[in-house]
PDB file of all heavy atoms in Angstrom:
ATOM      1  N   LEU A   1      -8.023  19.801  73.180  1.00  0.00           N
ATOM      2  CA  LEU A   1      -7.542  20.959  73.860  1.00  0.00           C
ATOM      3  C   LEU A   1      -8.647  21.746  74.531  1.00  0.00           C
ATOM      4  O   LEU A   1      -8.487  22.121  75.698  1.00  0.00           O
ATOM      5  CB  LEU A   1      -6.739  21.903  72.917  1.00  0.00           C
ATOM      6  CG  LEU A   1      -5.345  21.355  72.436  1.00  0.00           C
ATOM      7  CD1 LEU A   1      -4.784  22.455  71.467  1.00  0.00           C
ATOM      8  CD2 LEU A   1      -4.485  21.065  73.519  1.00  0.00           C
ATOM      9  N   SER A   2      -9.705  21.965  73.769  1.00  0.00           N
ATOM     10  CA  SER A   2     -10.754  22.697  74.302  1.00  0.00           C
ATOM     11  C   SER A   2     -11.379  22.080  75.528  1.00  0.00           C
ATOM     12  O   SER A   2     -11.617  22.681  76.660  1.00  0.00           O
ATOM     13  CB  SER A   2     -11.908  22.891  73.257  1.00  0.00           C
ATOM     14  OG  SER A   2     -12.952  23.634  73.760  1.00  0.00           O
ATOM     15  N   HIS A   3     -11.522  20.751  75.482  1.00  0.00           N
ATOM     16  CA  HIS A   3     -12.154  19.999  76.540  1.00  0.00           C
ATOM     17  C   HIS A   3     -11.221  19.905  77.783  1.00  0.00           C
ATOM     18  O   HIS A   3     -11.576  20.239  78.871  1.00  0.00           O
ATOM     19  CB  HIS A   3     -12.544  18.614  76.075  1.00  0.00           C
ATOM     20  CG  HIS A   3     -13.119  17.727  77.141  1.00  0.00           C
ATOM     21  ND1 HIS A   3     -14.304  17.930  77.725  1.00  0.00           N
ATOM     22  CD2 HIS A   3     -12.513  16.643  77.807  1.00  0.00           C
ATOM     23  CE1 HIS A   3     -14.528  17.002  78.625  1.00  0.00           C
ATOM     24  NE2 HIS A   3     -13.474  16.269  78.744  1.00  0.00           N
ATOM     25  N   HIS A   4      -9.939  19.390  77.565  1.00  0.00           N
ATOM     26  CA  HIS A   4      -9.101  19.083  78.652  1.00  0.00           C
ATOM     27  C   HIS A   4      -8.450  20.400  79.273  1.00  0.00           C
ATOM     28  O   HIS A   4      -8.110  20.362  80.469  1.00  0.00           O
ATOM     29  CB  HIS A   4      -7.950  18.130  78.245  1.00  0.00           C
ATOM     30  CG  HIS A   4      -8.431  16.859  77.901  1.00  0.00           C
ATOM     31  ND1 HIS A   4      -8.249  16.176  76.727  1.00  0.00           N
ATOM     32  CD2 HIS A   4      -9.196  15.942  78.631  1.00  0.00           C
ATOM     33  CE1 HIS A   4      -8.802  14.942  76.758  1.00  0.00           C
ATOM     34  NE2 HIS A   4      -9.426  14.826  77.902  1.00  0.00           N
ATOM     35  N   LEU A   5      -8.312  21.476  78.516  1.00  0.00           N
ATOM     36  CA  LEU A   5      -7.757  22.671  79.126  1.00  0.00           C
ATOM     37  C   LEU A   5      -8.931  23.582  79.605  1.00  0.00           C
ATOM     38  O   LEU A   5      -8.690  24.687  80.205  1.00  0.00           O
ATOM     39  CB  LEU A   5      -6.947  23.427  78.024  1.00  0.00           C
ATOM     40  CG  LEU A   5      -5.754  22.727  77.404  1.00  0.00           C
ATOM     41  CD1 LEU A   5      -5.067  23.615  76.421  1.00  0.00           C
ATOM     42  CD2 LEU A   5      -4.823  22.148  78.518  1.00  0.00           C
ATOM     43  N   ASN A   6     -10.205  23.145  79.298  1.00  0.00           N
ATOM     44  CA  ASN A   6     -11.391  23.981  79.759  1.00  0.00           C
ATOM     45  C   ASN A   6     -11.259  25.387  79.166  1.00  0.00           C
ATOM     46  O   ASN A   6     -11.424  26.335  79.883  1.00  0.00           O
ATOM     47  CB  ASN A   6     -11.504  23.941  81.242  1.00  0.00           C
ATOM     48  CG  ASN A   6     -12.870  24.428  81.617  1.00  0.00           C
ATOM     49  OD1 ASN A   6     -13.838  24.243  80.892  1.00  0.00           O
ATOM     50  ND2 ASN A   6     -13.051  24.906  82.868  1.00  0.00           N
ATOM     51  N   ILE A   7     -11.047  25.456  77.851  1.00  0.00           N
ATOM     52  CA  ILE A   7     -10.972  26.760  77.157  1.00  0.00           C
ATOM     53  C   ILE A   7     -11.910  26.736  75.972  1.00  0.00           C
ATOM     54  O   ILE A   7     -12.397  25.691  75.533  1.00  0.00           O
ATOM     55  CB  ILE A   7      -9.539  27.113  76.692  1.00  0.00           C
ATOM     56  CG1 ILE A   7      -9.020  25.984  75.694  1.00  0.00           C
ATOM     57  CG2 ILE A   7      -8.617  27.303  77.904  1.00  0.00           C
ATOM     58  CD1 ILE A   7      -7.636  26.245  75.185  1.00  0.00           C
ATOM     59  N   ASP A   8     -12.238  27.868  75.490  1.00  0.00           N
ATOM     60  CA  ASP A   8     -13.173  27.946  74.278  1.00  0.00           C
ATOM     61  C   ASP A   8     -12.357  27.501  73.022  1.00  0.00           C
ATOM     62  O   ASP A   8     -11.135  27.355  73.043  1.00  0.00           O
ATOM     63  CB  ASP A   8     -13.824  29.257  74.074  1.00  0.00           C
ATOM     64  CG  ASP A   8     -12.815  30.441  73.814  1.00  0.00           C
ATOM     65  OD1 ASP A   8     -11.625  30.132  73.458  1.00  0.00           O
ATOM     66  OD2 ASP A   8     -13.215  31.573  73.873  1.00  0.00           O
ATOM     67  N   LYS A   9     -13.181  27.228  71.993  1.00  0.00           N
ATOM     68  CA  LYS A   9     -12.511  26.689  70.714  1.00  0.00           C
ATOM     69  C   LYS A   9     -11.630  27.727  70.107  1.00  0.00           C
ATOM     70  O   LYS A   9     -10.676  27.250  69.471  1.00  0.00           O
ATOM     71  CB  LYS A   9     -13.709  26.314  69.759  1.00  0.00           C
ATOM     72  CG  LYS A   9     -13.882  24.869  69.616  1.00  0.00           C
ATOM     73  CD  LYS A   9     -14.794  24.496  68.495  1.00  0.00           C
ATOM     74  CE  LYS A   9     -14.698  23.016  68.267  1.00  0.00           C
ATOM     75  NZ  LYS A   9     -15.576  22.449  67.481  1.00  0.00           N
ATOM     76  N   GLU A  10     -11.904  28.994  70.179  1.00  0.00           N
ATOM     77  CA  GLU A  10     -11.052  29.950  69.561  1.00  0.00           C
ATOM     78  C   GLU A  10      -9.633  29.915  70.163  1.00  0.00           C
ATOM     79  O   GLU A  10      -8.641  29.989  69.484  1.00  0.00           O
ATOM     80  CB  GLU A  10     -11.648  31.347  69.679  1.00  0.00           C
ATOM     81  CG  GLU A  10     -12.812  31.609  68.826  1.00  0.00           C
ATOM     82  CD  GLU A  10     -12.628  31.312  67.358  1.00  0.00           C
ATOM     83  OE1 GLU A  10     -11.565  31.805  66.794  1.00  0.00           O
ATOM     84  OE2 GLU A  10     -13.376  30.588  66.757  1.00  0.00           O
ATOM     85  N   ALA A  11      -9.643  29.845  71.548  1.00  0.00           N
ATOM     86  CA  ALA A  11      -8.307  29.711  72.234  1.00  0.00           C
ATOM     87  C   ALA A  11      -7.609  28.443  71.870  1.00  0.00           C
ATOM     88  O   ALA A  11      -6.405  28.380  71.667  1.00  0.00           O
ATOM     89  CB  ALA A  11      -8.548  29.827  73.748  1.00  0.00           C
ATOM     90  N   ALA A  12      -8.375  27.362  71.789  1.00  0.00           N
ATOM     91  CA  ALA A  12      -7.833  26.033  71.398  1.00  0.00           C
ATOM     92  C   ALA A  12      -7.254  26.079  69.963  1.00  0.00           C
ATOM     93  O   ALA A  12      -6.127  25.502  69.711  1.00  0.00           O
ATOM     94  CB  ALA A  12      -8.859  24.926  71.523  1.00  0.00           C
ATOM     95  N   LYS A  13      -7.920  26.761  69.070  1.00  0.00           N
ATOM     96  CA  LYS A  13      -7.411  26.942  67.709  1.00  0.00           C
ATOM     97  C   LYS A  13      -6.161  27.587  67.629  1.00  0.00           C
ATOM     98  O   LYS A  13      -5.227  27.265  66.956  1.00  0.00           O
ATOM     99  CB  LYS A  13      -8.462  27.627  66.828  1.00  0.00           C
ATOM    100  CG  LYS A  13      -9.759  26.827  66.507  1.00  0.00           C
ATOM    101  CD  LYS A  13     -10.695  27.660  65.781  1.00  0.00           C
ATOM    102  CE  LYS A  13     -12.019  27.005  65.698  1.00  0.00           C
ATOM    103  NZ  LYS A  13     -12.968  27.827  64.997  1.00  0.00           N
ATOM    104  N   LYS A  14      -6.026  28.712  68.413  1.00  0.00           N
ATOM    105  CA  LYS A  14      -4.802  29.601  68.480  1.00  0.00           C
ATOM    106  C   LYS A  14      -3.648  28.768  69.021  1.00  0.00           C
ATOM    107  O   LYS A  14      -2.572  28.750  68.457  1.00  0.00           O
ATOM    108  CB  LYS A  14      -5.081  30.829  69.278  1.00  0.00           C
ATOM    109  CG  LYS A  14      -3.890  31.781  69.464  1.00  0.00           C
ATOM    110  CD  LYS A  14      -4.245  32.977  70.287  1.00  0.00           C
ATOM    111  CE  LYS A  14      -3.094  33.939  70.372  1.00  0.00           C
ATOM    112  NZ  LYS A  14      -2.210  33.637  71.415  1.00  0.00           N
ATOM    113  N   ILE A  15      -3.917  27.995  70.091  1.00  0.00           N
ATOM    114  CA  ILE A  15      -2.781  27.181  70.719  1.00  0.00           C
ATOM    115  C   ILE A  15      -2.443  26.064  69.646  1.00  0.00           C
ATOM    116  O   ILE A  15      -1.211  25.796  69.520  1.00  0.00           O
ATOM    117  CB  ILE A  15      -3.365  26.611  72.017  1.00  0.00           C
ATOM    118  CG1 ILE A  15      -3.469  27.686  73.071  1.00  0.00           C
ATOM    119  CG2 ILE A  15      -2.382  25.515  72.501  1.00  0.00           C
ATOM    120  CD1 ILE A  15      -4.140  27.323  74.321  1.00  0.00           C
ATOM    121  N   ALA A  16      -3.386  25.419  69.077  1.00  0.00           N
ATOM    122  CA  ALA A  16      -3.116  24.375  68.046  1.00  0.00           C
ATOM    123  C   ALA A  16      -2.253  24.894  66.875  1.00  0.00           C
ATOM    124  O   ALA A  16      -1.275  24.269  66.457  1.00  0.00           O
ATOM    125  CB  ALA A  16      -4.419  23.778  67.528  1.00  0.00           C
ATOM    126  N   GLN A  17      -2.534  26.182  66.473  1.00  0.00           N
ATOM    127  CA  GLN A  17      -1.706  26.721  65.389  1.00  0.00           C
ATOM    128  C   GLN A  17      -0.254  26.907  65.900  1.00  0.00           C
ATOM    129  O   GLN A  17       0.640  26.644  65.086  1.00  0.00           O
ATOM    130  CB  GLN A  17      -2.347  28.048  64.976  1.00  0.00           C
ATOM    131  CG  GLN A  17      -1.622  28.683  63.818  1.00  0.00           C
ATOM    132  CD  GLN A  17      -1.667  27.913  62.505  1.00  0.00           C
ATOM    133  OE1 GLN A  17      -2.788  27.548  62.109  1.00  0.00           O
ATOM    134  NE2 GLN A  17      -0.559  27.669  61.930  1.00  0.00           N
ATOM    135  N   GLU A  18      -0.082  27.454  67.062  1.00  0.00           N
ATOM    136  CA  GLU A  18       1.211  27.694  67.626  1.00  0.00           C
ATOM    137  C   GLU A  18       2.010  26.310  67.714  1.00  0.00           C
ATOM    138  O   GLU A  18       3.151  26.234  67.434  1.00  0.00           O
ATOM    139  CB  GLU A  18       1.181  28.380  68.993  1.00  0.00           C
ATOM    140  CG  GLU A  18       0.713  29.851  68.852  1.00  0.00           C
ATOM    141  CD  GLU A  18       0.593  30.528  70.225  1.00  0.00           C
ATOM    142  OE1 GLU A  18       1.477  30.297  71.057  1.00  0.00           O
ATOM    143  OE2 GLU A  18      -0.293  31.325  70.383  1.00  0.00           O
ATOM    144  N   VAL A  19       1.280  25.318  68.286  1.00  0.00           N
ATOM    145  CA  VAL A  19       1.985  24.044  68.491  1.00  0.00           C
ATOM    146  C   VAL A  19       2.358  23.454  67.077  1.00  0.00           C
ATOM    147  O   VAL A  19       3.461  22.930  66.959  1.00  0.00           O
ATOM    148  CB  VAL A  19       1.011  23.063  69.196  1.00  0.00           C
ATOM    149  CG1 VAL A  19       1.523  21.609  69.127  1.00  0.00           C
ATOM    150  CG2 VAL A  19       0.833  23.459  70.635  1.00  0.00           C
ATOM    151  N   ASN A  20       1.463  23.571  66.158  1.00  0.00           N
ATOM    152  CA  ASN A  20       1.742  23.134  64.800  1.00  0.00           C
ATOM    153  C   ASN A  20       3.013  23.822  64.191  1.00  0.00           C
ATOM    154  O   ASN A  20       3.879  23.189  63.638  1.00  0.00           O
ATOM    155  CB  ASN A  20       0.567  23.304  63.870  1.00  0.00           C
ATOM    156  CG  ASN A  20       0.733  22.712  62.507  1.00  0.00           C
ATOM    157  OD1 ASN A  20       1.115  21.551  62.348  1.00  0.00           O
ATOM    158  ND2 ASN A  20       0.596  23.590  61.520  1.00  0.00           N
ATOM    159  N   ASP A  21       3.010  25.111  64.353  1.00  0.00           N
ATOM    160  CA  ASP A  21       4.106  25.885  63.735  1.00  0.00           C
ATOM    161  C   ASP A  21       5.435  25.677  64.443  1.00  0.00           C
ATOM    162  O   ASP A  21       6.475  25.594  63.795  1.00  0.00           O
ATOM    163  CB  ASP A  21       3.775  27.450  63.853  1.00  0.00           C
ATOM    164  CG  ASP A  21       2.688  27.786  62.903  1.00  0.00           C
ATOM    165  OD1 ASP A  21       2.314  27.012  62.009  1.00  0.00           O
ATOM    166  OD2 ASP A  21       2.089  28.900  63.111  1.00  0.00           O
ATOM    167  N   GLN A  22       5.397  25.468  65.790  1.00  0.00           N
ATOM    168  CA  GLN A  22       6.654  25.394  66.572  1.00  0.00           C
ATOM    169  C   GLN A  22       7.107  23.918  66.875  1.00  0.00           C
ATOM    170  O   GLN A  22       8.310  23.843  67.169  1.00  0.00           O
ATOM    171  CB  GLN A  22       6.512  26.195  67.827  1.00  0.00           C
ATOM    172  CG  GLN A  22       6.296  27.692  67.581  1.00  0.00           C
ATOM    173  CD  GLN A  22       6.049  28.496  68.843  1.00  0.00           C
ATOM    174  OE1 GLN A  22       6.710  28.219  69.851  1.00  0.00           O
ATOM    175  NE2 GLN A  22       5.185  29.484  68.810  1.00  0.00           N
ATOM    176  N   LEU A  23       6.195  22.997  66.900  1.00  0.00           N
ATOM    177  CA  LEU A  23       6.590  21.644  67.233  1.00  0.00           C
ATOM    178  C   LEU A  23       6.360  20.652  66.133  1.00  0.00           C
ATOM    179  O   LEU A  23       7.249  19.941  65.748  1.00  0.00           O
ATOM    180  CB  LEU A  23       5.908  21.187  68.516  1.00  0.00           C
ATOM    181  CG  LEU A  23       6.271  21.834  69.809  1.00  0.00           C
ATOM    182  CD1 LEU A  23       5.432  21.447  70.963  1.00  0.00           C
ATOM    183  CD2 LEU A  23       7.744  21.569  70.116  1.00  0.00           C
ATOM    184  N   PHE A  24       5.050  20.556  65.677  1.00  0.00           N
ATOM    185  CA  PHE A  24       4.750  19.516  64.709  1.00  0.00           C
ATOM    186  C   PHE A  24       5.440  19.714  63.357  1.00  0.00           C
ATOM    187  O   PHE A  24       5.788  18.758  62.726  1.00  0.00           O
ATOM    188  CB  PHE A  24       3.235  19.465  64.549  1.00  0.00           C
ATOM    189  CG  PHE A  24       2.461  18.966  65.741  1.00  0.00           C
ATOM    190  CD1 PHE A  24       1.112  19.284  65.849  1.00  0.00           C
ATOM    191  CD2 PHE A  24       3.054  18.170  66.742  1.00  0.00           C
ATOM    192  CE1 PHE A  24       0.415  18.838  66.973  1.00  0.00           C
ATOM    193  CE2 PHE A  24       2.326  17.734  67.821  1.00  0.00           C
ATOM    194  CZ  PHE A  24       1.014  18.024  67.927  1.00  0.00           C
ATOM    195  N   SER A  25       5.735  20.922  63.087  1.00  0.00           N
ATOM    196  CA  SER A  25       6.374  21.242  61.777  1.00  0.00           C
ATOM    197  C   SER A  25       7.752  20.608  61.733  1.00  0.00           C
ATOM    198  O   SER A  25       8.179  20.172  60.621  1.00  0.00           O
ATOM    199  CB  SER A  25       6.422  22.706  61.467  1.00  0.00           C
ATOM    200  OG  SER A  25       7.285  23.376  62.479  1.00  0.00           O
ATOM    201  N   LYS A  26       8.431  20.451  62.833  1.00  0.00           N
ATOM    202  CA  LYS A  26       9.796  19.947  62.831  1.00  0.00           C
ATOM    203  C   LYS A  26       9.734  18.354  62.638  1.00  0.00           C
ATOM    204  O   LYS A  26      10.821  17.856  62.298  1.00  0.00           O
ATOM    205  CB  LYS A  26      10.431  20.212  64.214  1.00  0.00           C
ATOM    206  CG  LYS A  26      10.671  21.680  64.429  1.00  0.00           C
ATOM    207  CD  LYS A  26      11.259  22.031  65.735  1.00  0.00           C
ATOM    208  CE  LYS A  26      11.378  23.513  65.909  1.00  0.00           C
ATOM    209  NZ  LYS A  26      11.893  23.884  67.238  1.00  0.00           N
ATOM    210  N   VAL A  27       8.632  17.727  62.906  1.00  0.00           N
ATOM    211  CA  VAL A  27       8.603  16.271  62.774  1.00  0.00           C
ATOM    212  C   VAL A  27       7.424  15.856  61.874  1.00  0.00           C
ATOM    213  O   VAL A  27       6.919  14.748  61.919  1.00  0.00           O
ATOM    214  CB  VAL A  27       8.449  15.552  64.156  1.00  0.00           C
ATOM    215  CG1 VAL A  27       9.693  15.712  65.014  1.00  0.00           C
ATOM    216  CG2 VAL A  27       7.198  16.156  64.974  1.00  0.00           C
ATOM    217  N   ARG A  28       7.079  16.701  60.930  1.00  0.00           N
ATOM    218  CA  ARG A  28       5.983  16.588  60.028  1.00  0.00           C
ATOM    219  C   ARG A  28       6.103  15.248  59.268  1.00  0.00           C
ATOM    220  O   ARG A  28       5.207  14.499  59.091  1.00  0.00           O
ATOM    221  CB  ARG A  28       5.860  17.683  59.099  1.00  0.00           C
ATOM    222  CG  ARG A  28       4.559  17.710  58.245  1.00  0.00           C
ATOM    223  CD  ARG A  28       4.354  18.950  57.464  1.00  0.00           C
ATOM    224  NE  ARG A  28       4.567  20.119  58.163  1.00  0.00           N
ATOM    225  CZ  ARG A  28       3.714  20.755  59.035  1.00  0.00           C
ATOM    226  NH1 ARG A  28       2.531  20.228  59.228  1.00  0.00           N
ATOM    227  NH2 ARG A  28       3.981  21.901  59.606  1.00  0.00           N
ATOM    228  N   HIS A  29       7.312  14.991  58.723  1.00  0.00           N
ATOM    229  CA  HIS A  29       7.531  13.818  57.874  1.00  0.00           C
ATOM    230  C   HIS A  29       7.173  12.518  58.651  1.00  0.00           C
ATOM    231  O   HIS A  29       6.483  11.583  58.170  1.00  0.00           O
ATOM    232  CB  HIS A  29       8.974  13.747  57.349  1.00  0.00           C
ATOM    233  CG  HIS A  29       9.194  12.614  56.428  1.00  0.00           C
ATOM    234  ND1 HIS A  29       8.679  12.526  55.143  1.00  0.00           N
ATOM    235  CD2 HIS A  29       9.970  11.503  56.624  1.00  0.00           C
ATOM    236  CE1 HIS A  29       9.057  11.437  54.577  1.00  0.00           C
ATOM    237  NE2 HIS A  29       9.813  10.791  55.397  1.00  0.00           N
ATOM    238  N   SER A  30       7.682  12.431  59.862  1.00  0.00           N
ATOM    239  CA  SER A  30       7.390  11.254  60.735  1.00  0.00           C
ATOM    240  C   SER A  30       5.873  11.176  61.126  1.00  0.00           C
ATOM    241  O   SER A  30       5.332  10.103  61.186  1.00  0.00           O
ATOM    242  CB  SER A  30       8.299  11.227  61.987  1.00  0.00           C
ATOM    243  OG  SER A  30       9.646  11.110  61.518  1.00  0.00           O
ATOM    244  N   LEU A  31       5.290  12.270  61.383  1.00  0.00           N
ATOM    245  CA  LEU A  31       3.887  12.285  61.792  1.00  0.00           C
ATOM    246  C   LEU A  31       3.038  11.780  60.604  1.00  0.00           C
ATOM    247  O   LEU A  31       2.068  11.014  60.755  1.00  0.00           O
ATOM    248  CB  LEU A  31       3.432  13.642  62.142  1.00  0.00           C
ATOM    249  CG  LEU A  31       3.891  14.138  63.545  1.00  0.00           C
ATOM    250  CD1 LEU A  31       3.587  15.588  63.736  1.00  0.00           C
ATOM    251  CD2 LEU A  31       3.300  13.332  64.674  1.00  0.00           C
ATOM    252  N   LYS A  32       3.469  12.148  59.343  1.00  0.00           N
ATOM    253  CA  LYS A  32       2.727  11.668  58.135  1.00  0.00           C
ATOM    254  C   LYS A  32       2.794  10.076  58.130  1.00  0.00           C
ATOM    255  O   LYS A  32       1.878   9.397  57.821  1.00  0.00           O
ATOM    256  CB  LYS A  32       3.323  12.212  56.906  1.00  0.00           C
ATOM    257  CG  LYS A  32       3.007  13.668  56.645  1.00  0.00           C
ATOM    258  CD  LYS A  32       3.681  14.119  55.326  1.00  0.00           C
ATOM    259  CE  LYS A  32       3.581  15.533  55.142  1.00  0.00           C
ATOM    260  NZ  LYS A  32       4.239  16.019  53.897  1.00  0.00           N
ATOM    261  N   LYS A  33       3.979   9.607  58.394  1.00  0.00           N
ATOM    262  CA  LYS A  33       4.176   8.117  58.375  1.00  0.00           C
ATOM    263  C   LYS A  33       3.302   7.445  59.414  1.00  0.00           C
ATOM    264  O   LYS A  33       2.653   6.423  59.110  1.00  0.00           O
ATOM    265  CB  LYS A  33       5.653   7.803  58.621  1.00  0.00           C
ATOM    266  CG  LYS A  33       6.565   8.014  57.500  1.00  0.00           C
ATOM    267  CD  LYS A  33       8.016   7.522  57.846  1.00  0.00           C
ATOM    268  CE  LYS A  33       8.902   7.799  56.668  1.00  0.00           C
ATOM    269  NZ  LYS A  33      10.317   7.448  57.052  1.00  0.00           N
ATOM    270  N   ILE A  34       3.273   7.883  60.661  1.00  0.00           N
ATOM    271  CA  ILE A  34       2.552   7.120  61.673  1.00  0.00           C
ATOM    272  C   ILE A  34       1.046   7.312  61.511  1.00  0.00           C
ATOM    273  O   ILE A  34       0.310   6.397  61.942  1.00  0.00           O
ATOM    274  CB  ILE A  34       2.940   7.566  63.109  1.00  0.00           C
ATOM    275  CG1 ILE A  34       2.598   8.971  63.436  1.00  0.00           C
ATOM    276  CG2 ILE A  34       4.437   7.244  63.395  1.00  0.00           C
ATOM    277  CD1 ILE A  34       2.839   9.283  64.919  1.00  0.00           C
ATOM    278  N   TYR A  35       0.601   8.367  60.786  1.00  0.00           N
ATOM    279  CA  TYR A  35      -0.845   8.434  60.538  1.00  0.00           C
ATOM    280  C   TYR A  35      -1.213   8.025  59.214  1.00  0.00           C
ATOM    281  O   TYR A  35      -2.367   8.231  58.747  1.00  0.00           O
ATOM    282  CB  TYR A  35      -1.266   9.930  60.807  1.00  0.00           C
ATOM    283  CG  TYR A  35      -1.345  10.242  62.299  1.00  0.00           C
ATOM    284  CD1 TYR A  35      -0.321  11.040  62.836  1.00  0.00           C
ATOM    285  CD2 TYR A  35      -2.269   9.726  63.105  1.00  0.00           C
ATOM    286  CE1 TYR A  35      -0.315  11.326  64.197  1.00  0.00           C
ATOM    287  CE2 TYR A  35      -2.285  10.005  64.461  1.00  0.00           C
ATOM    288  CZ  TYR A  35      -1.335  10.786  65.027  1.00  0.00           C
ATOM    289  OH  TYR A  35      -1.374  11.030  66.345  1.00  0.00           O
ATOM    290  N   HIS A  36      -0.256   7.508  58.395  1.00  0.00           N
ATOM    291  CA  HIS A  36      -0.396   6.963  57.078  1.00  0.00           C
ATOM    292  C   HIS A  36      -1.090   7.994  56.157  1.00  0.00           C
ATOM    293  O   HIS A  36      -2.006   7.726  55.430  1.00  0.00           O
ATOM    294  CB  HIS A  36      -1.289   5.706  57.091  1.00  0.00           C
ATOM    295  CG  HIS A  36      -0.752   4.630  58.047  1.00  0.00           C
ATOM    296  ND1 HIS A  36       0.426   3.990  57.850  1.00  0.00           N
ATOM    297  CD2 HIS A  36      -1.165   4.233  59.280  1.00  0.00           C
ATOM    298  CE1 HIS A  36       0.683   3.163  58.872  1.00  0.00           C
ATOM    299  NE2 HIS A  36      -0.277   3.320  59.725  1.00  0.00           N
ATOM    300  N   LEU A  37      -0.598   9.227  56.208  1.00  0.00           N
ATOM    301  CA  LEU A  37      -1.065  10.241  55.415  1.00  0.00           C
ATOM    302  C   LEU A  37      -0.324  10.261  54.122  1.00  0.00           C
ATOM    303  O   LEU A  37       0.859   9.961  54.042  1.00  0.00           O
ATOM    304  CB  LEU A  37      -0.910  11.633  56.138  1.00  0.00           C
ATOM    305  CG  LEU A  37      -1.699  11.829  57.382  1.00  0.00           C
ATOM    306  CD1 LEU A  37      -1.327  13.134  58.034  1.00  0.00           C
ATOM    307  CD2 LEU A  37      -3.199  11.741  57.101  1.00  0.00           C
ATOM    308  N   GLU A  38      -0.973  10.666  52.997  1.00  0.00           N
ATOM    309  CA  GLU A  38      -0.320  10.713  51.755  1.00  0.00           C
ATOM    310  C   GLU A  38       0.770  11.703  51.807  1.00  0.00           C
ATOM    311  O   GLU A  38       0.758  12.730  52.528  1.00  0.00           O
ATOM    312  CB  GLU A  38      -1.314  11.189  50.653  1.00  0.00           C
ATOM    313  CG  GLU A  38      -2.410  10.115  50.365  1.00  0.00           C
ATOM    314  CD  GLU A  38      -3.414  10.666  49.360  1.00  0.00           C
ATOM    315  OE1 GLU A  38      -3.069  11.532  48.581  1.00  0.00           O
ATOM    316  OE2 GLU A  38      -4.477  10.099  49.326  1.00  0.00           O
ATOM    317  N   GLU A  39       1.754  11.498  50.987  1.00  0.00           N
ATOM    318  CA  GLU A  39       2.963  12.400  50.996  1.00  0.00           C
ATOM    319  C   GLU A  39       2.541  13.820  50.650  1.00  0.00           C
ATOM    320  O   GLU A  39       3.232  14.765  51.080  1.00  0.00           O
ATOM    321  CB  GLU A  39       3.946  11.847  49.964  1.00  0.00           C
ATOM    322  CG  GLU A  39       5.422  12.120  50.310  1.00  0.00           C
ATOM    323  CD  GLU A  39       5.838  11.894  51.751  1.00  0.00           C
ATOM    324  OE1 GLU A  39       5.476  10.861  52.374  1.00  0.00           O
ATOM    325  OE2 GLU A  39       6.470  12.790  52.302  1.00  0.00           O
TER     326      GLU A  39
END
């Protein structure tokens, strides 16, 4: 995010947190499966 959006790391962290809370949290179980993360 920092590189492709040409923003500083703090802004990228804030955006990542929002994406995680609003999008990734809804599909967390499936994301765990595709990344082979422990339950």
